[in-house]
C-alpha atoms as a PDB file:
ATOM      1  CA  UNK A   1     -21.111   4.684   6.151  1.00  0.00           C
ATOM      2  CA  UNK A   2     -19.009   7.744   5.945  1.00  0.00           C
ATOM      3  CA  UNK A   3     -15.480   7.917   4.608  1.00  0.00           C
ATOM      4  CA  UNK A   4     -13.633   7.421   7.851  1.00  0.00           C
ATOM      5  CA  UNK A   5     -15.770   4.396   8.766  1.00  0.00           C
ATOM      6  CA  UNK A   6     -15.168   2.968   5.289  1.00  0.00           C
ATOM      7  CA  UNK A   7     -11.332   3.514   5.667  1.00  0.00           C
ATOM      8  CA  UNK A   8     -11.323   1.953   9.122  1.00  0.00           C
ATOM      9  CA  UNK A   9     -13.187  -1.141   7.818  1.00  0.00           C
ATOM     10  CA  UNK A  10     -10.846  -1.821   4.978  1.00  0.00           C
ATOM     11  CA  UNK A  11      -7.855  -1.060   7.090  1.00  0.00           C
ATOM     12  CA  UNK A  12      -9.137  -3.586   9.659  1.00  0.00           C
ATOM     13  CA  UNK A  13      -9.226  -6.191   6.936  1.00  0.00           C
ATOM     14  CA  UNK A  14      -5.704  -5.366   5.708  1.00  0.00           C
ATOM     15  CA  UNK A  15      -4.343  -5.354   9.276  1.00  0.00           C
ATOM     16  CA  UNK A  16      -6.012  -8.698  10.120  1.00  0.00           C
ATOM     17  CA  UNK A  17      -4.233 -10.304   7.038  1.00  0.00           C
ATOM     18  CA  UNK A  18      -1.009  -8.757   8.097  1.00  0.00           C
ATOM     19  CA  UNK A  19      -1.389 -10.101  11.633  1.00  0.00           C
ATOM     20  CA  UNK A  20      -2.267 -13.551  10.458  1.00  0.00           C
ATOM     21  CA  UNK A  21       0.784 -13.709   8.092  1.00  0.00           C
ATOM     22  CA  UNK A  22       2.893 -12.545  10.962  1.00  0.00           C
ATOM     23  CA  UNK A  23       1.618 -15.689  12.793  1.00  0.00           C
ATOM     24  CA  UNK A  24       2.558 -17.900   9.904  1.00  0.00           C
ATOM     25  CA  UNK A  25       5.856 -16.298   8.909  1.00  0.00           C
ATOM     26  CA  UNK A  26       6.933 -13.838  11.546  1.00  0.00           C
ATOM     27  CA  UNK A  27       8.501 -10.609  10.352  1.00  0.00           C
ATOM     28  CA  UNK A  28      10.565 -12.430   7.787  1.00  0.00           C
ATOM     29  CA  UNK A  29      10.095  -9.372   5.497  1.00  0.00           C
ATOM     30  CA  UNK A  30      12.711  -7.576   7.684  1.00  0.00           C
ATOM     31  CA  UNK A  31      15.495  -8.924   5.552  1.00  0.00           C
ATOM     32  CA  UNK A  32      14.121  -7.259   2.466  1.00  0.00           C
ATOM     33  CA  UNK A  33      16.037  -4.325   1.159  1.00  0.00           C
ATOM     34  CA  UNK A  34      14.078  -1.213   0.115  1.00  0.00           C
ATOM     35  CA  UNK A  35      14.270  -1.897  -3.594  1.00  0.00           C
ATOM     36  CA  UNK A  36      12.782  -5.482  -3.000  1.00  0.00           C
ATOM     37  CA  UNK A  37       9.813  -4.021  -1.191  1.00  0.00           C
ATOM     38  CA  UNK A  38       9.169  -1.711  -4.170  1.00  0.00           C
ATOM     39  CA  UNK A  39       9.532  -4.497  -6.594  1.00  0.00           C
ATOM     40  CA  UNK A  40       7.020  -6.610  -4.611  1.00  0.00           C
ATOM     41  CA  UNK A  41       4.471  -3.752  -4.788  1.00  0.00           C
ATOM     42  CA  UNK A  42       5.208  -3.507  -8.533  1.00  0.00           C
ATOM     43  CA  UNK A  43       4.498  -7.342  -8.916  1.00  0.00           C
ATOM     44  CA  UNK A  44       1.047  -6.717  -7.313  1.00  0.00           C
ATOM     45  CA  UNK A  45       0.079  -3.534  -9.135  1.00  0.00           C
ATOM     46  CA  UNK A  46       1.416  -5.041 -12.481  1.00  0.00           C
ATOM     47  CA  UNK A  47      -0.904  -8.066 -11.859  1.00  0.00           C
ATOM     48  CA  UNK A  48      -3.927  -5.918 -11.142  1.00  0.00           C
ATOM     49  CA  UNK A  49      -3.393  -3.936 -14.402  1.00  0.00           C
ATOM     50  CA  UNK A  50      -2.891  -7.286 -16.278  1.00  0.00           C
ATOM     51  CA  UNK A  51      -6.280  -8.424 -14.859  1.00  0.00           C
ATOM     52  CA  UNK A  52      -7.877  -5.171 -15.649  1.00  0.00           C
ATOM     53  CA  UNK A  53      -6.675  -5.359 -19.264  1.00  0.00           C
ATOM     54  CA  UNK A  54      -7.250  -9.105 -19.942  1.00  0.00           C
ATOM     55  CA  UNK A  55     -10.505  -9.396 -17.976  1.00  0.00           C
ATOM     56  CA  UNK A  56      -9.663 -12.985 -16.919  1.00  0.00           C
ATOM     57  CA  UNK A  57      -7.334 -14.560 -14.264  1.00  0.00           C
ATOM     58  CA  UNK A  58      -5.818 -18.023 -14.387  1.00  0.00           C
ATOM     59  CA  UNK A  59      -5.239 -18.143 -10.616  1.00  0.00           C
ATOM     60  CA  UNK A  60      -7.793 -17.755  -7.935  1.00  0.00           C
ATOM     61  CA  UNK A  61      -6.926 -14.389  -6.516  1.00  0.00           C
ATOM     62  CA  UNK A  62      -8.914 -11.346  -7.397  1.00  0.00           C
ATOM     63  CA  UNK A  63      -7.749  -7.743  -7.495  1.00  0.00           C
ATOM     64  CA  UNK A  64      -9.069  -7.165  -4.027  1.00  0.00           C
ATOM     65  CA  UNK A  65      -6.271  -9.470  -2.528  1.00  0.00           C
ATOM     66  CA  UNK A  66      -3.664  -7.639  -4.589  1.00  0.00           C
ATOM     67  CA  UNK A  67      -4.745  -4.141  -3.394  1.00  0.00           C
ATOM     68  CA  UNK A  68      -4.749  -5.580   0.174  1.00  0.00           C
ATOM     69  CA  UNK A  69      -1.168  -6.700  -0.417  1.00  0.00           C
ATOM     70  CA  UNK A  70      -0.098  -3.308  -1.667  1.00  0.00           C
ATOM     71  CA  UNK A  71      -1.403  -1.830   1.521  1.00  0.00           C
ATOM     72  CA  UNK A  72       0.532  -4.253   3.479  1.00  0.00           C
ATOM     73  CA  UNK A  73       3.713  -4.127   1.530  1.00  0.00           C
ATOM     74  CA  UNK A  74       3.498  -0.303   1.595  1.00  0.00           C
ATOM     75  CA  UNK A  75       3.420  -0.341   5.396  1.00  0.00           C
ATOM     76  CA  UNK A  76       6.302  -2.755   5.337  1.00  0.00           C
ATOM     77  CA  UNK A  77       8.171  -0.328   3.005  1.00  0.00           C
ATOM     78  CA  UNK A  78       7.566   2.494   5.610  1.00  0.00           C
ATOM     79  CA  UNK A  79       8.764   0.288   8.448  1.00  0.00           C
ATOM     80  CA  UNK A  80      11.829  -0.601   6.423  1.00  0.00           C
ATOM     81  CA  UNK A  81      12.575   3.075   5.711  1.00  0.00           C
ATOM     82  CA  UNK A  82      12.250   3.704   9.346  1.00  0.00           C
ATOM     83  CA  UNK A  83      14.356   0.756  10.740  1.00  0.00           C
ATOM     84  CA  UNK A  84      16.458  -0.131   7.708  1.00  0.00           C
ATOM     85  CA  UNK A  85      16.637  -3.697   6.608  1.00  0.00           C
ATOM     86  CA  UNK A  86      18.076  -6.330   8.712  1.00  0.00           C
ATOM     87  CA  UNK A  87      20.106  -9.558   8.020  1.00  0.00           C
ATOM     88  CA  UNK A  88      17.723 -11.386  10.502  1.00  0.00           C
ATOM     89  CA  UNK A  89      14.208 -11.097  11.910  1.00  0.00           C
ATOM     90  CA  UNK A  90      15.136  -8.693  14.573  1.00  0.00           C
ATOM     91  CA  UNK A  91      11.502  -7.717  15.693  1.00  0.00           C
ATOM     92  CA  UNK A  92       8.791  -9.816  17.162  1.00  0.00           C
ATOM     93  CA  UNK A  93       5.109  -9.865  16.049  1.00  0.00           C
ATOM     94  CA  UNK A  94       4.036  -7.541  18.759  1.00  0.00           C
ATOM     95  CA  UNK A  95       6.623  -4.846  17.678  1.00  0.00           C
ATOM     96  CA  UNK A  96       5.758  -5.404  13.949  1.00  0.00           C
ATOM     97  CA  UNK A  97       2.013  -4.684  14.725  1.00  0.00           C
ATOM     98  CA  UNK A  98       2.876  -1.565  16.809  1.00  0.00           C
ATOM     99  CA  UNK A  99       4.976  -0.208  13.798  1.00  0.00           C
ATOM    100  CA  UNK A 100       2.163  -1.247  11.369  1.00  0.00           C
ATOM    101  CA  UNK A 101      -0.480   0.741  13.464  1.00  0.00           C
ATOM    102  CA  UNK A 102       1.912   3.806  13.579  1.00  0.00           C
ATOM    103  CA  UNK A 103       2.491   3.915   9.940  1.00  0.00           C
ATOM    104  CA  UNK A 104      -0.984   3.075   8.826  1.00  0.00           C
ATOM    105  CA  UNK A 105      -2.310   5.795  11.133  1.00  0.00           C
ATOM    106  CA  UNK A 106       0.240   8.347   9.606  1.00  0.00           C
ATOM    107  CA  UNK A 107      -0.850   7.352   6.126  1.00  0.00           C
ATOM    108  CA  UNK A 108      -4.572   7.593   7.064  1.00  0.00           C
ATOM    109  CA  UNK A 109      -4.127  10.936   8.531  1.00  0.00           C
ATOM    110  CA  UNK A 110      -2.364  12.077   5.397  1.00  0.00           C
ATOM    111  CA  UNK A 111      -5.399  10.932   3.374  1.00  0.00           C
ATOM    112  CA  UNK A 112      -7.936  12.744   5.667  1.00  0.00           C
ATOM    113  CA  UNK A 113      -6.029  16.013   5.137  1.00  0.00           C
ATOM    114  CA  UNK A 114      -5.788  15.472   1.414  1.00  0.00           C
ATOM    115  CA  UNK A 115      -9.399  14.334   1.260  1.00  0.00           C
ATOM    116  CA  UNK A 116     -10.507  17.556   2.847  1.00  0.00           C
ATOM    117  CA  UNK A 117      -8.620  19.638   0.209  1.00  0.00           C
ATOM    118  CA  UNK A 118      -9.567  17.552  -2.692  1.00  0.00           C
ATOM    119  CA  UNK A 119     -13.191  17.205  -1.631  1.00  0.00           C
ATOM    120  CA  UNK A 120     -13.301  13.364  -2.047  1.00  0.00           C
ATOM    121  CA  UNK A 121     -12.461  13.501  -5.770  1.00  0.00           C
ATOM    122  CA  UNK A 122     -11.210   9.880  -5.517  1.00  0.00           C
ATOM    123  CA  UNK A 123     -14.735   8.698  -5.215  1.00  0.00           C
ATOM    124  CA  UNK A 124     -15.325   9.844  -8.970  1.00  0.00           C
ATOM    125  CA  UNK A 125     -12.301   8.002 -10.261  1.00  0.00           C
ATOM    126  CA  UNK A 126     -12.102   4.572 -11.713  1.00  0.00           C
ATOM    127  CA  UNK A 127     -10.346   1.807  -9.991  1.00  0.00           C
ATOM    128  CA  UNK A 128      -8.140   1.482 -13.098  1.00  0.00           C
ATOM    129  CA  UNK A 129      -6.860   4.949 -12.575  1.00  0.00           C
ATOM    130  CA  UNK A 130      -5.695   4.048  -9.062  1.00  0.00           C
ATOM    131  CA  UNK A 131      -3.817   1.164 -10.527  1.00  0.00           C
ATOM    132  CA  UNK A 132      -2.120   3.487 -13.017  1.00  0.00           C
ATOM    133  CA  UNK A 133      -1.328   6.002 -10.266  1.00  0.00           C
ATOM    134  CA  UNK A 134       0.177   3.236  -8.144  1.00  0.00           C
ATOM    135  CA  UNK A 135       2.313   2.136 -10.950  1.00  0.00           C
ATOM    136  CA  UNK A 136       3.515   5.687 -11.577  1.00  0.00           C
ATOM    137  CA  UNK A 137       4.298   6.048  -7.911  1.00  0.00           C
ATOM    138  CA  UNK A 138       6.349   2.827  -8.146  1.00  0.00           C
ATOM    139  CA  UNK A 139       8.417   4.138 -11.103  1.00  0.00           C
ATOM    140  CA  UNK A 140       8.947   7.390  -9.162  1.00  0.00           C
ATOM    141  CA  UNK A 141      10.031   5.502  -6.266  1.00  0.00           C
ATOM    142  CA  UNK A 142      12.377   3.289  -8.242  1.00  0.00           C
ATOM    143  CA  UNK A 143      13.906   6.510  -9.652  1.00  0.00           C
ATOM    144  CA  UNK A 144      14.332   7.903  -6.090  1.00  0.00           C
ATOM    145  CA  UNK A 145      15.980   4.615  -5.013  1.00  0.00           C
ATOM    146  CA  UNK A 146      18.379   4.913  -8.028  1.00  0.00           C
ATOM    147  CA  UNK A 147      19.143   8.360  -6.805  1.00  0.00           C
ATOM    148  CA  UNK A 148      19.980   6.851  -3.309  1.00  0.00           C
ATOM    149  CA  UNK A 149      16.920   8.485  -1.684  1.00  0.00           C
ATOM    150  CA  UNK A 150      17.814  12.172  -2.736  1.00  0.00           C
ATOM    151  CA  UNK A 151      15.389  14.392  -4.490  1.00  0.00           C
ATOM    152  CA  UNK A 152      15.682  17.935  -5.537  1.00  0.00           C
ATOM    153  CA  UNK A 153      12.028  19.137  -5.282  1.00  0.00           C
ATOM    154  CA  UNK A 154       9.979  15.993  -5.055  1.00  0.00           C
ATOM    155  CA  UNK A 155       8.523  14.128  -2.210  1.00  0.00           C
ATOM    156  CA  UNK A 156      10.514  11.119  -0.904  1.00  0.00           C
ATOM    157  CA  UNK A 157       9.956   7.364  -0.916  1.00  0.00           C
ATOM    158  CA  UNK A 158       7.844   7.635   2.258  1.00  0.00           C
ATOM    159  CA  UNK A 159       5.318   9.917   0.584  1.00  0.00           C
ATOM    160  CA  UNK A 160       5.047   7.747  -2.516  1.00  0.00           C
ATOM    161  CA  UNK A 161       4.448   4.569  -0.341  1.00  0.00           C
ATOM    162  CA  UNK A 162       1.715   6.439   1.597  1.00  0.00           C
ATOM    163  CA  UNK A 163       0.130   7.486  -1.670  1.00  0.00           C
ATOM    164  CA  UNK A 164       0.286   3.825  -2.969  1.00  0.00           C
ATOM    165  CA  UNK A 165      -1.370   2.671   0.229  1.00  0.00           C
ATOM    166  CA  UNK A 166      -4.133   5.250  -0.018  1.00  0.00           C
ATOM    167  CA  UNK A 167      -4.963   4.552  -3.657  1.00  0.00           C
ATOM    168  CA  UNK A 168      -5.177   0.817  -2.734  1.00  0.00           C
ATOM    169  CA  UNK A 169      -7.528   1.714   0.133  1.00  0.00           C
ATOM    170  CA  UNK A 170      -9.663   3.822  -2.148  1.00  0.00           C
ATOM    171  CA  UNK A 171      -9.877   0.803  -4.531  1.00  0.00           C
ATOM    172  CA  UNK A 172     -10.759  -1.567  -1.616  1.00  0.00           C
ATOM    173  CA  UNK A 173     -13.492   0.841  -0.517  1.00  0.00           C
ATOM    174  CA  UNK A 174     -14.979   1.049  -3.964  1.00  0.00           C
ATOM    175  CA  UNK A 175     -14.805  -2.684  -4.393  1.00  0.00           C
ATOM    176  CA  UNK A 176     -16.528  -3.266  -1.047  1.00  0.00           C
ATOM    177  CA  UNK A 177     -19.096  -0.501  -1.146  1.00  0.00           C
ATOM    178  CA  UNK A 178     -19.652   0.071  -4.854  1.00  0.00           C
ATOM    179  CA  UNK A 179     -18.825   2.869  -7.199  1.00  0.00           C
ATOM    180  CA  UNK A 180     -20.638   5.820  -8.778  1.00  0.00           C
ATOM    181  CA  UNK A 181     -19.408   4.854 -12.232  1.00  0.00           C
END
């Protein structure tokens, strides 16, 4: 499989989980403020790092499920940036999936452009490096949130969410299809 096929496969898995959770909970995440979405991603990334460091888990969820959650919460973050948070669940499942597809496509297209320029360097990185990069992006995002979304020379929250999603997709590809290292 080539990179695009691998990306499509892991995105399909993430989207399927997102869709099934919509069936269970609806778009209940619409009430989350931006900072809460960022903190939810932090919880997932921190658990991955903890498992990588400790080498063991006391609950039956591996890092694959956490990277999948980062993808989906990253998309939720992009949707929340676009719509703003709500005091109620104000979109139905169909609209949530349309927005999911819009933002995952934008994120995927960004990866394809960067992948061209960086010549698939991500394939030679370790999964633990993706974890560290995601955590760094979270801390950057938190600082931008403290600054009320304003930056002087840096990319915004949306770019950081997209990078977190793409690093998670890289990890999912490596977990699914193996690594060179």
